[in-house]
């Protein structure tokens, strides 16, 4: 099991928005190739580990807005569970993230490459969360987020207009 803590110079709601959407994980998790959203609670993950394709399906088991987000594997050839806790800092201007992640096989001992993957999880999680922090704190990212919000608000206004 890996546990890492990092402080991000963004408001809690923004940090939660990105870390409570597993489909965003491949942006900063170096060893996750793809995450596909099946529905609001179910996601399919894929990764290539030692030349072997691993795929697993997770269900969100806890989503307490701006507080905690957790998932558990329900199907696949890699068993992954994760919990992310969010704590506001500096009157909500910054956020502490506590991220716990566990990977294991469903049956028996893992093969050599998967065992290395699992053993390297703590160091990799630290590296991945640092990448996340750098990405979300970057001016470019903040600007894109603001543009996305502005476009969404504009679309909402257009949808609210009634035509005769």
Protein backbone atom coordinates (compact mmCIF):
# COMPACT_ATOMS: atom_id res chain seq x y z
CA UNK A 1 0.00 0.00 0.00
CA UNK A 2 1.16 3.51 -0.79
CA UNK A 3 0.22 6.67 1.04
CA UNK A 4 1.30 10.14 0.03
CA UNK A 5 0.41 13.65 1.16
CA UNK A 6 0.85 16.81 -0.89
CA UNK A 7 -0.25 20.43 -0.57
CA UNK A 8 -1.63 22.13 -3.67
CA UNK A 9 -1.87 25.89 -4.15
CA UNK A 10 -5.46 25.79 -5.41
CA UNK A 11 -8.84 25.95 -3.69
CA UNK A 12 -10.22 22.66 -2.43
CA UNK A 13 -13.13 22.58 -4.91
CA UNK A 14 -10.74 22.77 -7.89
CA UNK A 15 -8.45 20.03 -6.55
CA UNK A 16 -11.46 17.83 -5.74
CA UNK A 17 -12.88 18.40 -9.22
CA UNK A 18 -9.81 16.83 -10.84
CA UNK A 19 -9.03 14.08 -8.36
CA UNK A 20 -12.63 12.86 -8.09
CA UNK A 21 -12.68 12.06 -11.81
CA UNK A 22 -10.66 8.90 -12.47
CA UNK A 23 -10.82 9.54 -16.22
CA UNK A 24 -8.33 12.37 -15.51
CA UNK A 25 -5.82 10.02 -13.79
CA UNK A 26 -3.77 9.17 -16.93
CA UNK A 27 -2.78 12.86 -17.11
CA UNK A 28 -0.60 12.45 -14.04
CA UNK A 29 -0.42 8.72 -13.22
CA UNK A 30 2.54 7.67 -15.31
CA UNK A 31 1.73 3.96 -15.13
CA UNK A 32 -1.98 4.13 -16.03
CA UNK A 33 -2.53 4.11 -19.76
CA UNK A 34 -6.25 4.76 -19.97
CA UNK A 35 -9.39 5.19 -17.87
CA UNK A 36 -12.82 5.02 -19.48
CA UNK A 37 -15.92 6.24 -17.70
CA UNK A 38 -18.72 3.67 -17.95
CA UNK A 39 -21.20 5.60 -15.82
CA UNK A 40 -21.05 8.02 -12.87
CA UNK A 41 -19.83 5.26 -10.52
CA UNK A 42 -17.92 2.84 -12.77
CA UNK A 43 -14.57 3.23 -14.53
CA UNK A 44 -12.40 0.86 -16.60
CA UNK A 45 -8.63 1.19 -16.11
CA UNK A 46 -5.86 -0.23 -18.28
CA UNK A 47 -2.08 -0.44 -17.94
CA UNK A 48 0.74 -2.39 -19.52
CA UNK A 49 3.02 -3.88 -16.88
CA UNK A 50 6.04 -5.88 -17.98
CA UNK A 51 4.52 -6.40 -21.41
CA UNK A 52 1.26 -7.73 -19.97
CA UNK A 53 -2.02 -5.86 -20.44
CA UNK A 54 -3.88 -5.31 -17.18
CA UNK A 55 -7.48 -4.15 -17.13
CA UNK A 56 -9.73 -3.63 -14.16
CA UNK A 57 -13.10 -2.10 -13.47
CA UNK A 58 -13.69 0.01 -10.38
CA UNK A 59 -16.75 1.34 -8.61
CA UNK A 60 -16.79 4.56 -6.64
CA UNK A 61 -17.70 3.54 -3.10
CA UNK A 62 -17.40 6.90 -1.36
CA UNK A 63 -17.84 10.36 -2.82
CA UNK A 64 -18.30 12.93 -0.12
CA UNK A 65 -17.96 16.20 -2.05
CA UNK A 66 -14.80 18.18 -1.25
CA UNK A 67 -13.96 15.74 1.56
CA UNK A 68 -13.27 12.18 0.41
CA UNK A 69 -13.29 10.06 -2.75
CA UNK A 70 -12.73 6.27 -2.82
CA UNK A 71 -13.00 3.35 -5.22
CA UNK A 72 -12.62 -0.42 -5.24
CA UNK A 73 -12.03 -2.96 -8.01
CA UNK A 74 -15.03 -5.08 -8.96
CA UNK A 75 -13.60 -6.94 -11.95
CA UNK A 76 -10.35 -7.51 -13.84
CA UNK A 77 -6.85 -8.90 -13.47
CA UNK A 78 -5.53 -6.25 -11.07
CA UNK A 79 -7.11 -5.41 -7.72
CA UNK A 80 -6.81 -1.68 -7.00
CA UNK A 81 -8.36 0.33 -4.19
CA UNK A 82 -7.86 4.00 -3.54
CA UNK A 83 -8.90 6.74 -1.16
CA UNK A 84 -8.30 10.45 -1.52
CA UNK A 85 -8.96 12.85 1.36
CA UNK A 86 -9.12 16.61 0.91
CA UNK A 87 -8.40 19.17 3.63
CA UNK A 88 -8.74 22.93 3.09
CA UNK A 89 -5.76 25.08 4.11
CA UNK A 90 -5.37 28.85 4.46
CA UNK A 91 -9.11 29.58 4.52
CA UNK A 92 -9.72 27.33 1.53
CA UNK A 93 -7.13 28.93 -0.75
CA UNK A 94 -4.89 25.83 -0.66
CA UNK A 95 -5.60 22.12 -0.29
CA UNK A 96 -3.89 19.17 1.39
CA UNK A 97 -4.40 15.88 -0.43
CA UNK A 98 -3.92 12.53 1.32
CA UNK A 99 -3.85 9.78 -1.30
CA UNK A 100 -3.81 6.06 -0.42
CA UNK A 101 -3.49 3.47 -3.16
CA UNK A 102 -3.25 -0.31 -2.98
CA UNK A 103 -2.66 -2.78 -5.82
CA UNK A 104 -2.51 -6.54 -5.61
CA UNK A 105 -3.52 -9.67 -7.45
CA UNK A 106 -6.83 -11.34 -6.80
CA UNK A 107 -5.22 -14.75 -6.30
CA UNK A 108 -1.76 -15.78 -5.18
CA UNK A 109 1.58 -14.10 -5.50
CA UNK A 110 2.09 -11.60 -8.32
CA UNK A 111 4.39 -12.39 -11.22
CA UNK A 112 7.83 -10.72 -11.12
CA UNK A 113 6.99 -7.59 -13.17
CA UNK A 114 3.73 -6.99 -11.32
CA UNK A 115 5.54 -7.48 -7.99
CA UNK A 116 8.03 -4.76 -9.04
CA UNK A 117 5.11 -2.52 -10.03
CA UNK A 118 3.46 -2.99 -6.64
CA UNK A 119 6.74 -2.50 -4.72
CA UNK A 120 7.39 0.71 -6.65
CA UNK A 121 3.95 2.11 -5.86
CA UNK A 122 4.98 4.42 -2.96
CA UNK A 123 7.74 6.15 -4.94
CA UNK A 124 5.59 6.32 -8.06
CA UNK A 125 2.63 7.82 -6.19
CA UNK A 126 4.88 10.54 -4.81
CA UNK A 127 6.17 11.31 -8.30
CA UNK A 128 2.67 11.24 -9.82
CA UNK A 129 1.20 13.58 -7.21
CA UNK A 130 4.07 16.01 -7.76
CA UNK A 131 3.23 15.94 -11.49
CA UNK A 132 -0.43 16.59 -10.63
CA UNK A 133 0.54 19.54 -8.42
CA UNK A 134 2.76 21.08 -11.10
CA UNK A 135 0.09 20.65 -13.76
CA UNK A 136 -2.84 22.11 -11.84
CA UNK A 137 -0.80 24.97 -10.40
CA UNK A 138 0.56 25.99 -13.81
CA UNK A 139 -0.70 29.23 -15.29
CA UNK A 140 -1.63 27.44 -18.52
CA UNK A 141 -3.78 24.94 -16.64
CA UNK A 142 -5.53 27.66 -14.62
CA UNK A 143 -6.21 29.62 -17.80
CA UNK A 144 -7.67 26.54 -19.54
CA UNK A 145 -9.85 25.83 -16.49
CA UNK A 146 -11.17 29.41 -16.51
CA UNK A 147 -11.89 29.17 -20.26
CA UNK A 148 -13.72 25.87 -19.74
CA UNK A 149 -15.84 27.37 -16.96
CA UNK A 150 -16.63 30.46 -19.06
CA UNK A 151 -17.64 28.28 -22.03
CA UNK A 152 -19.86 26.12 -19.82
CA UNK A 153 -21.56 29.20 -18.37
CA UNK A 154 -22.09 30.57 -21.87
CA UNK A 155 -23.68 27.28 -22.97
CA UNK A 156 -25.96 27.33 -19.93
CA UNK A 157 -27.10 30.85 -20.79
CA UNK A 158 -27.85 29.78 -24.37
CA UNK A 159 -29.84 26.77 -23.11
CA UNK A 160 -31.85 29.04 -20.81
CA UNK A 161 -32.94 31.23 -23.71
CA UNK A 162 -36.36 30.34 -25.04
CA UNK A 163 -37.14 30.70 -28.73
CA UNK A 164 -40.60 30.98 -30.16
